[in-house]
Amino acid sequence: MIISNTQPLIYFFMIASMYTNAGLISLPYPIAVFGYALLEETRPRYEFWGWVRNYTVALLAFKFAANLSILEEFFGSEAFKYA
């Protein structure tokens, strides 16, 4: 019963993610919450949660790859600064 009623908590953390990491990358979270999840009559479908999970995993993988020392040379180059 507790697990099946955690959607408001998840919605809160999606909005908190946008508040702490404000930017275009985290913009889909509040759009998903206010634009789709809260407008559903009962609960969002499984595909919605699958999309949120896949987007979050892809975002975390991108942030992990961006922090690797291999890419440090690329991010510090002059071409990247003016692109």
PDB file of N, CA and C in Angstrom:
ATOM      1  N   MET A   1       0.824  -1.174   0.000  1.00  0.00           N
ATOM      2  CA  MET A   1       0.000   0.000   0.000  1.00  0.00           C
ATOM      3  C   MET A   1       0.882   1.255   0.000  1.00  0.00           C
ATOM      4  N   ILE A   2       1.942   1.239   0.754  1.00  0.00           N
ATOM      5  CA  ILE A   2       2.812   2.418   0.821  1.00  0.00           C
ATOM      6  C   ILE A   2       3.509   2.644  -0.506  1.00  0.00           C
ATOM      7  N   ILE A   3       4.012   1.589  -1.125  1.00  0.00           N
ATOM      8  CA  ILE A   3       4.733   1.726  -2.386  1.00  0.00           C
ATOM      9  C   ILE A   3       3.807   2.199  -3.494  1.00  0.00           C
ATOM     10  N   SER A   4       2.583   1.758  -3.508  1.00  0.00           N
ATOM     11  CA  SER A   4       1.670   2.135  -4.583  1.00  0.00           C
ATOM     12  C   SER A   4       1.202   3.587  -4.484  1.00  0.00           C
ATOM     13  N   ASN A   5       1.438   4.256  -3.363  1.00  0.00           N
ATOM     14  CA  ASN A   5       1.012   5.641  -3.200  1.00  0.00           C
ATOM     15  C   ASN A   5       2.187   6.602  -3.032  1.00  0.00           C
ATOM     16  N   THR A   6       3.286   6.339  -3.692  1.00  0.00           N
ATOM     17  CA  THR A   6       4.469   7.200  -3.570  1.00  0.00           C
ATOM     18  C   THR A   6       4.592   8.195  -4.711  1.00  0.00           C
ATOM     19  N   GLN A   7       3.611   8.298  -5.573  1.00  0.00           N
ATOM     20  CA  GLN A   7       3.718   9.206  -6.718  1.00  0.00           C
ATOM     21  C   GLN A   7       3.884  10.670  -6.316  1.00  0.00           C
ATOM     22  N   PRO A   8       3.161  11.199  -5.334  1.00  0.00           N
ATOM     23  CA  PRO A   8       3.417  12.598  -4.954  1.00  0.00           C
ATOM     24  C   PRO A   8       4.848  12.836  -4.484  1.00  0.00           C
ATOM     25  N   LEU A   9       5.421  11.851  -3.816  1.00  0.00           N
ATOM     26  CA  LEU A   9       6.811  11.970  -3.381  1.00  0.00           C
ATOM     27  C   LEU A   9       7.755  11.999  -4.578  1.00  0.00           C
ATOM     28  N   ILE A  10       7.505  11.161  -5.555  1.00  0.00           N
ATOM     29  CA  ILE A  10       8.321  11.143  -6.769  1.00  0.00           C
ATOM     30  C   ILE A  10       8.158  12.454  -7.529  1.00  0.00           C
ATOM     31  N   TYR A  11       6.947  12.970  -7.632  1.00  0.00           N
ATOM     32  CA  TYR A  11       6.724  14.250  -8.295  1.00  0.00           C
ATOM     33  C   TYR A  11       7.501  15.363  -7.588  1.00  0.00           C
ATOM     34  N   PHE A  12       7.494  15.343  -6.259  1.00  0.00           N
ATOM     35  CA  PHE A  12       8.232  16.356  -5.504  1.00  0.00           C
ATOM     36  C   PHE A  12       9.715  16.301  -5.820  1.00  0.00           C
ATOM     37  N   PHE A  13      10.287  15.109  -5.871  1.00  0.00           N
ATOM     38  CA  PHE A  13      11.709  14.990  -6.150  1.00  0.00           C
ATOM     39  C   PHE A  13      12.042  15.358  -7.596  1.00  0.00           C
ATOM     40  N   MET A  14      11.129  15.165  -8.515  1.00  0.00           N
ATOM     41  CA  MET A  14      11.369  15.601  -9.896  1.00  0.00           C
ATOM     42  C   MET A  14      11.407  17.126  -9.966  1.00  0.00           C
ATOM     43  N   ILE A  15      10.539  17.794  -9.230  1.00  0.00           N
ATOM     44  CA  ILE A  15      10.556  19.259  -9.181  1.00  0.00           C
ATOM     45  C   ILE A  15      11.787  19.742  -8.429  1.00  0.00           C
ATOM     46  N   ALA A  16      12.165  19.067  -7.358  1.00  0.00           N
ATOM     47  CA  ALA A  16      13.371  19.441  -6.613  1.00  0.00           C
ATOM     48  C   ALA A  16      14.616  19.285  -7.476  1.00  0.00           C
ATOM     49  N   SER A  17      14.633  18.310  -8.354  1.00  0.00           N
ATOM     50  CA  SER A  17      15.754  18.143  -9.270  1.00  0.00           C
ATOM     51  C   SER A  17      15.871  19.336 -10.202  1.00  0.00           C
ATOM     52  N   MET A  18      14.752  19.829 -10.672  1.00  0.00           N
ATOM     53  CA  MET A  18      14.776  21.019 -11.528  1.00  0.00           C
ATOM     54  C   MET A  18      15.240  22.238 -10.738  1.00  0.00           C
ATOM     55  N   TYR A  19      14.851  22.334  -9.493  1.00  0.00           N
ATOM     56  CA  TYR A  19      15.233  23.474  -8.663  1.00  0.00           C
ATOM     57  C   TYR A  19      16.738  23.482  -8.385  1.00  0.00           C
ATOM     58  N   THR A  20      17.308  22.316  -8.099  1.00  0.00           N
ATOM     59  CA  THR A  20      18.727  22.262  -7.774  1.00  0.00           C
ATOM     60  C   THR A  20      19.616  22.255  -9.004  1.00  0.00           C
ATOM     61  N   ASN A  21      19.169  21.665 -10.097  1.00  0.00           N
ATOM     62  CA  ASN A  21      19.963  21.565 -11.318  1.00  0.00           C
ATOM     63  C   ASN A  21      19.295  22.331 -12.451  1.00  0.00           C
ATOM     64  N   ALA A  22      18.988  23.572 -12.211  1.00  0.00           N
ATOM     65  CA  ALA A  22      18.254  24.349 -13.207  1.00  0.00           C
ATOM     66  C   ALA A  22      19.029  24.404 -14.515  1.00  0.00           C
ATOM     67  N   GLY A  23      18.354  24.068 -15.581  1.00  0.00           N
ATOM     68  CA  GLY A  23      18.963  24.089 -16.896  1.00  0.00           C
ATOM     69  C   GLY A  23      18.070  23.372 -17.896  1.00  0.00           C
ATOM     70  N   LEU A  24      18.504  23.375 -19.132  1.00  0.00           N
ATOM     71  CA  LEU A  24      17.709  22.744 -20.183  1.00  0.00           C
ATOM     72  C   LEU A  24      17.682  21.229 -20.046  1.00  0.00           C
ATOM     73  N   ILE A  25      18.722  20.656 -19.448  1.00  0.00           N
ATOM     74  CA  ILE A  25      18.784  19.201 -19.331  1.00  0.00           C
ATOM     75  C   ILE A  25      17.720  18.683 -18.371  1.00  0.00           C
ATOM     76  N   SER A  26      17.464  19.396 -17.294  1.00  0.00           N
ATOM     77  CA  SER A  26      16.484  18.914 -16.322  1.00  0.00           C
ATOM     78  C   SER A  26      15.098  19.516 -16.541  1.00  0.00           C
ATOM     79  N   LEU A  27      14.906  20.247 -17.609  1.00  0.00           N
ATOM     80  CA  LEU A  27      13.606  20.836 -17.906  1.00  0.00           C
ATOM     81  C   LEU A  27      12.507  19.803 -18.189  1.00  0.00           C
ATOM     82  N   PRO A  28      12.808  18.644 -18.768  1.00  0.00           N
ATOM     83  CA  PRO A  28      11.720  17.667 -18.988  1.00  0.00           C
ATOM     84  C   PRO A  28      11.049  17.149 -17.723  1.00  0.00           C
ATOM     85  N   TYR A  29      11.709  17.206 -16.569  1.00  0.00           N
ATOM     86  CA  TYR A  29      11.083  16.704 -15.340  1.00  0.00           C
ATOM     87  C   TYR A  29       9.840  17.506 -14.949  1.00  0.00           C
ATOM     88  N   PRO A  30       9.911  18.832 -14.809  1.00  0.00           N
ATOM     89  CA  PRO A  30       8.665  19.531 -14.455  1.00  0.00           C
ATOM     90  C   PRO A  30       7.633  19.510 -15.575  1.00  0.00           C
ATOM     91  N   ILE A  31       8.094  19.476 -16.809  1.00  0.00           N
ATOM     92  CA  ILE A  31       7.143  19.368 -17.921  1.00  0.00           C
ATOM     93  C   ILE A  31       6.411  18.031 -17.842  1.00  0.00           C
ATOM     94  N   ALA A  32       7.143  16.979 -17.513  1.00  0.00           N
ATOM     95  CA  ALA A  32       6.516  15.660 -17.393  1.00  0.00           C
ATOM     96  C   ALA A  32       5.545  15.619 -16.231  1.00  0.00           C
ATOM     97  N   VAL A  33       5.910  16.263 -15.125  1.00  0.00           N
ATOM     98  CA  VAL A  33       5.028  16.234 -13.956  1.00  0.00           C
ATOM     99  C   VAL A  33       3.770  17.053 -14.201  1.00  0.00           C
ATOM    100  N   PHE A  34       3.951  18.319 -14.590  1.00  0.00           N
ATOM    101  CA  PHE A  34       2.786  19.199 -14.736  1.00  0.00           C
ATOM    102  C   PHE A  34       2.075  19.011 -16.068  1.00  0.00           C
ATOM    103  N   GLY A  35       2.792  18.621 -17.090  1.00  0.00           N
ATOM    104  CA  GLY A  35       2.184  18.505 -18.410  1.00  0.00           C
ATOM    105  C   GLY A  35       1.551  17.173 -18.696  1.00  0.00           C
ATOM    106  N   TYR A  36       1.931  16.147 -17.957  1.00  0.00           N
ATOM    107  CA  TYR A  36       1.372  14.842 -18.258  1.00  0.00           C
ATOM    108  C   TYR A  36       0.909  14.077 -17.013  1.00  0.00           C
ATOM    109  N   ALA A  37       1.802  13.919 -16.049  1.00  0.00           N
ATOM    110  CA  ALA A  37       1.514  13.027 -14.920  1.00  0.00           C
ATOM    111  C   ALA A  37       0.331  13.496 -14.090  1.00  0.00           C
ATOM    112  N   LEU A  38       0.257  14.768 -13.792  1.00  0.00           N
ATOM    113  CA  LEU A  38      -0.846  15.254 -12.967  1.00  0.00           C
ATOM    114  C   LEU A  38      -2.159  15.387 -13.741  1.00  0.00           C
ATOM    115  N   LEU A  39      -2.092  15.344 -15.061  1.00  0.00           N
ATOM    116  CA  LEU A  39      -3.304  15.436 -15.865  1.00  0.00           C
ATOM    117  C   LEU A  39      -3.964  14.081 -16.115  1.00  0.00           C
ATOM    118  N   GLU A  40      -3.243  13.008 -15.815  1.00  0.00           N
ATOM    119  CA  GLU A  40      -3.829  11.685 -15.971  1.00  0.00           C
ATOM    120  C   GLU A  40      -4.931  11.500 -14.936  1.00  0.00           C
ATOM    121  N   GLU A  41      -5.975  10.834 -15.331  1.00  0.00           N
ATOM    122  CA  GLU A  41      -7.118  10.688 -14.439  1.00  0.00           C
ATOM    123  C   GLU A  41      -6.808   9.796 -13.241  1.00  0.00           C
ATOM    124  N   THR A  42      -6.184   8.665 -13.474  1.00  0.00           N
ATOM    125  CA  THR A  42      -5.858   7.778 -12.357  1.00  0.00           C
ATOM    126  C   THR A  42      -4.371   7.867 -12.026  1.00  0.00           C
ATOM    127  N   ARG A  43      -3.552   7.195 -12.810  1.00  0.00           N
ATOM    128  CA  ARG A  43      -2.106   7.222 -12.632  1.00  0.00           C
ATOM    129  C   ARG A  43      -1.458   7.191 -14.004  1.00  0.00           C
ATOM    130  N   PRO A  44      -0.243   7.716 -14.122  1.00  0.00           N
ATOM    131  CA  PRO A  44       0.433   7.630 -15.421  1.00  0.00           C
ATOM    132  C   PRO A  44       0.699   6.171 -15.800  1.00  0.00           C
ATOM    133  N   ARG A  45       0.724   5.935 -17.100  1.00  0.00           N
ATOM    134  CA  ARG A  45       0.941   4.574 -17.587  1.00  0.00           C
ATOM    135  C   ARG A  45       2.379   4.135 -17.362  1.00  0.00           C
ATOM    136  N   TYR A  46       2.634   2.872 -17.562  1.00  0.00           N
ATOM    137  CA  TYR A  46       3.961   2.291 -17.393  1.00  0.00           C
ATOM    138  C   TYR A  46       4.959   2.927 -18.355  1.00  0.00           C
ATOM    139  N   GLU A  47       4.530   3.286 -19.547  1.00  0.00           N
ATOM    140  CA  GLU A  47       5.420   3.887 -20.538  1.00  0.00           C
ATOM    141  C   GLU A  47       5.969   5.226 -20.061  1.00  0.00           C
ATOM    142  N   PHE A  48       5.161   5.978 -19.327  1.00  0.00           N
ATOM    143  CA  PHE A  48       5.637   7.254 -18.782  1.00  0.00           C
ATOM    144  C   PHE A  48       6.782   7.026 -17.826  1.00  0.00           C
ATOM    145  N   TRP A  49       6.631   6.085 -16.903  1.00  0.00           N
ATOM    146  CA  TRP A  49       7.693   5.824 -15.937  1.00  0.00           C
ATOM    147  C   TRP A  49       8.904   5.211 -16.622  1.00  0.00           C
ATOM    148  N   GLY A  50       8.692   4.432 -17.664  1.00  0.00           N
ATOM    149  CA  GLY A  50       9.820   3.899 -18.437  1.00  0.00           C
ATOM    150  C   GLY A  50      10.601   5.016 -19.105  1.00  0.00           C
ATOM    151  N   TRP A  51       9.872   6.010 -19.647  1.00  0.00           N
ATOM    152  CA  TRP A  51      10.543   7.145 -20.279  1.00  0.00           C
ATOM    153  C   TRP A  51      11.330   7.952 -19.252  1.00  0.00           C
ATOM    154  N   VAL A  52      10.757   8.193 -18.090  1.00  0.00           N
ATOM    155  CA  VAL A  52      11.447   8.946 -17.039  1.00  0.00           C
ATOM    156  C   VAL A  52      12.695   8.190 -16.596  1.00  0.00           C
ATOM    157  N   ARG A  53      12.572   6.896 -16.410  1.00  0.00           N
ATOM    158  CA  ARG A  53      13.722   6.094 -15.997  1.00  0.00           C
ATOM    159  C   ARG A  53      14.818   6.100 -17.061  1.00  0.00           C
ATOM    160  N   ASN A  54      14.463   5.904 -18.316  1.00  0.00           N
ATOM    161  CA  ASN A  54      15.458   5.893 -19.392  1.00  0.00           C
ATOM    162  C   ASN A  54      16.127   7.253 -19.561  1.00  0.00           C
ATOM    163  N   TYR A  55      15.362   8.320 -19.454  1.00  0.00           N
ATOM    164  CA  TYR A  55      15.941   9.663 -19.565  1.00  0.00           C
ATOM    165  C   TYR A  55      16.914   9.926 -18.424  1.00  0.00           C
ATOM    166  N   THR A  56      16.554   9.514 -17.218  1.00  0.00           N
ATOM    167  CA  THR A  56      17.421   9.729 -16.065  1.00  0.00           C
ATOM    168  C   THR A  56      18.706   8.920 -16.182  1.00  0.00           C
ATOM    169  N   VAL A  57      18.611   7.683 -16.630  1.00  0.00           N
ATOM    170  CA  VAL A  57      19.813   6.855 -16.794  1.00  0.00           C
ATOM    171  C   VAL A  57      20.705   7.428 -17.882  1.00  0.00           C
ATOM    172  N   ALA A  58      20.123   7.871 -18.999  1.00  0.00           N
ATOM    173  CA  ALA A  58      20.926   8.474 -20.070  1.00  0.00           C
ATOM    174  C   ALA A  58      21.590   9.759 -19.595  1.00  0.00           C
ATOM    175  N   LEU A  59      20.879  10.545 -18.824  1.00  0.00           N
ATOM    176  CA  LEU A  59      21.435  11.788 -18.288  1.00  0.00           C
ATOM    177  C   LEU A  59      22.591  11.511 -17.327  1.00  0.00           C
ATOM    178  N   LEU A  60      22.427  10.531 -16.458  1.00  0.00           N
ATOM    179  CA  LEU A  60      23.500  10.170 -15.535  1.00  0.00           C
ATOM    180  C   LEU A  60      24.706   9.611 -16.274  1.00  0.00           C
ATOM    181  N   ALA A  61      24.480   8.829 -17.319  1.00  0.00           N
ATOM    182  CA  ALA A  61      25.593   8.293 -18.113  1.00  0.00           C
ATOM    183  C   ALA A  61      26.336   9.419 -18.824  1.00  0.00           C
ATOM    184  N   PHE A  62      25.599  10.392 -19.347  1.00  0.00           N
ATOM    185  CA  PHE A  62      26.234  11.527 -20.011  1.00  0.00           C
ATOM    186  C   PHE A  62      27.062  12.341 -19.025  1.00  0.00           C
ATOM    187  N   LYS A  63      26.510  12.604 -17.838  1.00  0.00           N
ATOM    188  CA  LYS A  63      27.257  13.364 -16.833  1.00  0.00           C
ATOM    189  C   LYS A  63      28.492  12.601 -16.359  1.00  0.00           C
ATOM    190  N   PHE A  64      28.393  11.285 -16.242  1.00  0.00           N
ATOM    191  CA  PHE A  64      29.541  10.478 -15.867  1.00  0.00           C
ATOM    192  C   PHE A  64      30.618  10.547 -16.939  1.00  0.00           C
ATOM    193  N   ALA A  65      30.213  10.408 -18.203  1.00  0.00           N
ATOM    194  CA  ALA A  65      31.178  10.451 -19.304  1.00  0.00           C
ATOM    195  C   ALA A  65      31.826  11.828 -19.414  1.00  0.00           C
ATOM    196  N   ALA A  66      31.080  12.873 -19.124  1.00  0.00           N
ATOM    197  CA  ALA A  66      31.628  14.224 -19.206  1.00  0.00           C
ATOM    198  C   ALA A  66      32.660  14.487 -18.122  1.00  0.00           C
ATOM    199  N   ASN A  67      32.592  13.754 -17.018  1.00  0.00           N
ATOM    200  CA  ASN A  67      33.543  13.945 -15.923  1.00  0.00           C
ATOM    201  C   ASN A  67      34.784  13.071 -16.043  1.00  0.00           C
ATOM    202  N   LEU A  68      34.889  12.263 -17.081  1.00  0.00           N
ATOM    203  CA  LEU A  68      36.068  11.423 -17.249  1.00  0.00           C
ATOM    204  C   LEU A  68      37.275  12.273 -17.615  1.00  0.00           C
ATOM    205  N   SER A  69      38.441  11.842 -17.187  1.00  0.00           N
ATOM    206  CA  SER A  69      39.661  12.616 -17.459  1.00  0.00           C
ATOM    207  C   SER A  69      40.031  12.581 -18.941  1.00  0.00           C
ATOM    208  N   ILE A  70      39.528  11.617 -19.682  1.00  0.00           N
ATOM    209  CA  ILE A  70      39.812  11.540 -21.119  1.00  0.00           C
ATOM    210  C   ILE A  70      39.228  12.753 -21.834  1.00  0.00           C
ATOM    211  N   LEU A  71      38.060  13.210 -21.416  1.00  0.00           N
ATOM    212  CA  LEU A  71      37.397  14.325 -22.075  1.00  0.00           C
ATOM    213  C   LEU A  71      37.827  15.681 -21.529  1.00  0.00           C
ATOM    214  N   GLU A  72      38.645  15.698 -20.499  1.00  0.00           N
ATOM    215  CA  GLU A  72      39.084  16.960 -19.911  1.00  0.00           C
ATOM    216  C   GLU A  72      39.850  17.802 -20.926  1.00  0.00           C
ATOM    217  N   GLU A  73      40.637  17.152 -21.748  1.00  0.00           N
ATOM    218  CA  GLU A  73      41.402  17.860 -22.780  1.00  0.00           C
ATOM    219  C   GLU A  73      40.474  18.510 -23.807  1.00  0.00           C
ATOM    220  N   PHE A  74      39.388  17.818 -24.147  1.00  0.00           N
ATOM    221  CA  PHE A  74      38.442  18.358 -25.126  1.00  0.00           C
ATOM    222  C   PHE A  74      37.678  19.549 -24.558  1.00  0.00           C
ATOM    223  N   PHE A  75      37.208  19.441 -23.313  1.00  0.00           N
ATOM    224  CA  PHE A  75      36.428  20.522 -22.716  1.00  0.00           C
ATOM    225  C   PHE A  75      37.264  21.755 -22.409  1.00  0.00           C
ATOM    226  N   GLY A  76      38.570  21.605 -22.281  1.00  0.00           N
ATOM    227  CA  GLY A  76      39.444  22.726 -22.011  1.00  0.00           C
ATOM    228  C   GLY A  76      39.988  23.391 -23.263  1.00  0.00           C
ATOM    229  N   SER A  77      39.696  22.860 -24.436  1.00  0.00           N
ATOM    230  CA  SER A  77      40.257  23.405 -25.668  1.00  0.00           C
ATOM    231  C   SER A  77      39.557  24.699 -26.075  1.00  0.00           C
ATOM    232  N   GLU A  78      40.227  25.483 -26.865  1.00  0.00           N
ATOM    233  CA  GLU A  78      39.671  26.744 -27.360  1.00  0.00           C
ATOM    234  C   GLU A  78      38.479  26.522 -28.299  1.00  0.00           C
ATOM    235  N   ALA A  79      38.501  25.449 -29.053  1.00  0.00           N
ATOM    236  CA  ALA A  79      37.412  25.156 -29.984  1.00  0.00           C
ATOM    237  C   ALA A  79      36.126  24.901 -29.233  1.00  0.00           C
ATOM    238  N   PHE A  80      36.195  24.264 -28.077  1.00  0.00           N
ATOM    239  CA  PHE A  80      34.991  23.984 -27.306  1.00  0.00           C
ATOM    240  C   PHE A  80      34.446  25.241 -26.656  1.00  0.00           C
ATOM    241  N   LYS A  81      35.317  26.159 -26.249  1.00  0.00           N
ATOM    242  CA  LYS A  81      34.873  27.371 -25.587  1.00  0.00           C
ATOM    243  C   LYS A  81      34.091  28.288 -26.515  1.00  0.00           C
ATOM    244  N   TYR A  82      34.436  28.304 -27.785  1.00  0.00           N
ATOM    245  CA  TYR A  82      33.787  29.211 -28.727  1.00  0.00           C
ATOM    246  C   TYR A  82      32.784  28.524 -29.640  1.00  0.00           C
ATOM    247  N   ALA A  83      32.495  27.253 -29.395  1.00  0.00           N
ATOM    248  CA  ALA A  83      31.552  26.547 -30.247  1.00  0.00           C
ATOM    249  C   ALA A  83      30.133  26.808 -29.846  1.00  0.00           C
TER     250      ALA A  83
END
